Amino acid sequence: MSGDANSDGTVNIFDLNLISSNWTHLSHAGDANGDGIVNIFDINLVSSNWGSSGPSGDANNDGIVNIFDVNLISSNWGATGGSVAAVPEPASWGLAVVAALALVPKVRRGCRAKS
């Protein structure tokens, strides 16, 4: 039945929830778990959902978790993308500044001309 995303026989709010929660699920082709990188965790998700109708583990969104999902993952192995990005925390910036300031006196002492 068209629109029955969870295959329960009716089109209802549960289908909408499933569709909307997976709307931007894949950040890169083969990124089955949506963590921004195609890696072993995507293979693990496929293997733990093998033979199911998805959506969990269905990397190519064809409605079944099978070898074609593994093929997609392997052809994009190591790819990154999507909105996942490493952003330094404010505490990290503060620590970097303190470390840099601690090095300033050592650099100055090493640059003094000897008389």
Protein backbone atom coordinates (compact mmCIF):
# COMPACT_ATOMS: atom_id res chain seq x y z
CA MET A 1 0.00 0.00 0.00
CA SER A 2 1.41 3.37 -1.03
CA GLY A 3 2.40 5.50 1.98
CA ASP A 4 2.43 2.58 4.41
CA ALA A 5 6.04 3.08 5.48
CA ASN A 6 5.93 0.69 8.44
CA SER A 7 3.96 -2.03 6.59
CA ASP A 8 1.21 -2.31 9.21
CA GLY A 9 -1.57 -2.24 6.62
CA THR A 10 -2.75 1.33 7.24
CA VAL A 11 -1.49 4.78 6.35
CA ASN A 12 -1.45 6.85 9.53
CA ILE A 13 0.61 9.12 11.78
CA PHE A 14 3.05 6.29 12.52
CA ASP A 15 4.02 6.21 8.84
CA LEU A 16 4.55 9.97 8.87
CA ASN A 17 6.76 9.68 11.96
CA LEU A 18 8.84 6.97 10.33
CA ILE A 19 9.21 8.90 7.09
CA SER A 20 10.08 12.19 8.79
CA SER A 21 12.61 10.58 11.14
CA ASN A 22 14.43 9.10 8.15
CA TRP A 23 14.02 12.06 5.79
CA THR A 24 17.67 13.10 6.09
CA HIS A 25 18.84 9.79 7.52
CA LEU A 26 21.74 9.22 5.17
CA SER A 27 24.43 11.87 5.23
CA HIS A 28 26.35 10.04 2.50
CA ALA A 29 25.50 7.10 0.25
CA GLY A 30 26.13 4.01 2.34
CA ASP A 31 26.00 5.79 5.71
CA ALA A 32 23.29 3.51 7.09
CA ASN A 33 23.53 4.74 10.69
CA GLY A 34 23.75 8.45 9.83
CA ASP A 35 26.93 9.21 11.79
CA GLY A 36 28.57 11.01 8.87
CA ILE A 37 31.08 8.34 7.85
CA VAL A 38 30.75 5.08 5.94
CA ASN A 39 32.48 2.47 8.07
CA ILE A 40 32.19 -0.79 10.02
CA PHE A 41 29.30 0.55 12.10
CA ASP A 42 27.18 0.72 8.95
CA ILE A 43 28.06 -2.90 8.13
CA ASN A 44 27.13 -3.86 11.71
CA LEU A 45 23.73 -2.19 11.31
CA VAL A 46 23.10 -4.02 8.05
CA SER A 47 24.13 -7.39 9.49
CA SER A 48 21.95 -6.96 12.58
CA ASN A 49 18.92 -6.18 10.38
CA TRP A 50 19.68 -8.68 7.58
CA GLY A 51 16.58 -9.72 5.66
CA SER A 52 14.28 -7.16 7.32
CA SER A 53 12.28 -4.55 5.44
CA GLY A 54 14.22 -1.71 7.06
CA PRO A 55 14.45 1.19 7.41
CA SER A 56 17.21 0.39 9.91
CA GLY A 57 20.14 -1.04 7.96
CA ASP A 58 18.57 -0.39 4.55
CA ALA A 59 21.42 1.76 3.22
CA ASN A 60 20.09 1.97 -0.33
CA ASN A 61 16.43 2.47 0.68
CA ASP A 62 15.08 -0.32 -1.54
CA GLY A 63 12.90 -1.75 1.22
CA ILE A 64 15.00 -4.77 2.19
CA VAL A 65 18.28 -5.17 4.02
CA ASN A 66 20.47 -7.36 1.81
CA ILE A 67 23.70 -7.66 -0.18
CA PHE A 68 22.91 -4.52 -2.18
CA ASP A 69 23.23 -2.49 1.04
CA VAL A 70 26.63 -4.07 1.69
CA ASN A 71 27.65 -3.25 -1.90
CA LEU A 72 26.66 0.40 -1.45
CA ILE A 73 28.57 0.64 1.82
CA SER A 74 31.69 -1.00 0.39
CA SER A 75 31.68 1.23 -2.70
CA ASN A 76 31.59 4.33 -0.46
CA TRP A 77 33.87 3.01 2.31
CA GLY A 78 35.50 5.80 4.31
CA ALA A 79 33.40 8.56 2.76
CA THR A 80 32.33 11.37 5.02
CA GLY A 81 29.71 14.01 4.58
CA GLY A 82 26.51 15.48 5.85
CA SER A 83 26.11 17.81 8.75
CA VAL A 84 28.40 15.93 11.12
CA ALA A 85 31.56 17.93 11.75
CA ALA A 86 34.18 18.08 14.45
CA VAL A 87 33.79 21.41 16.22
CA PRO A 88 36.14 22.26 19.06
CA GLU A 89 34.42 22.85 22.37
CA PRO A 90 34.97 26.22 24.09
CA ALA A 91 36.98 24.46 26.80
CA SER A 92 39.33 23.12 24.11
CA TRP A 93 39.93 26.62 22.79
CA GLY A 94 40.67 27.87 26.29
CA LEU A 95 43.13 25.06 26.90
CA ALA A 96 44.87 25.79 23.59
CA VAL A 97 45.25 29.49 24.50
CA VAL A 98 46.64 28.67 27.96
CA ALA A 99 49.13 26.22 26.41
CA ALA A 100 50.22 28.81 23.83
CA LEU A 101 50.68 31.48 26.51
CA ALA A 102 52.73 29.07 28.62
CA LEU A 103 55.16 28.63 25.70
CA VAL A 104 55.70 32.38 25.15
CA PRO A 105 58.23 32.89 28.01
CA LYS A 106 60.23 29.82 26.91
CA VAL A 107 60.46 31.10 23.36
CA ARG A 108 61.58 34.55 24.54
CA ARG A 109 64.30 33.09 26.76
CA GLY A 110 65.64 31.05 23.86
CA CYS A 111 65.78 34.12 21.57
CA ARG A 112 67.87 36.36 23.88
CA ALA A 113 71.23 37.34 22.57
CA LYS A 114 74.11 36.36 24.82
CA SER A 115 76.48 39.15 25.77
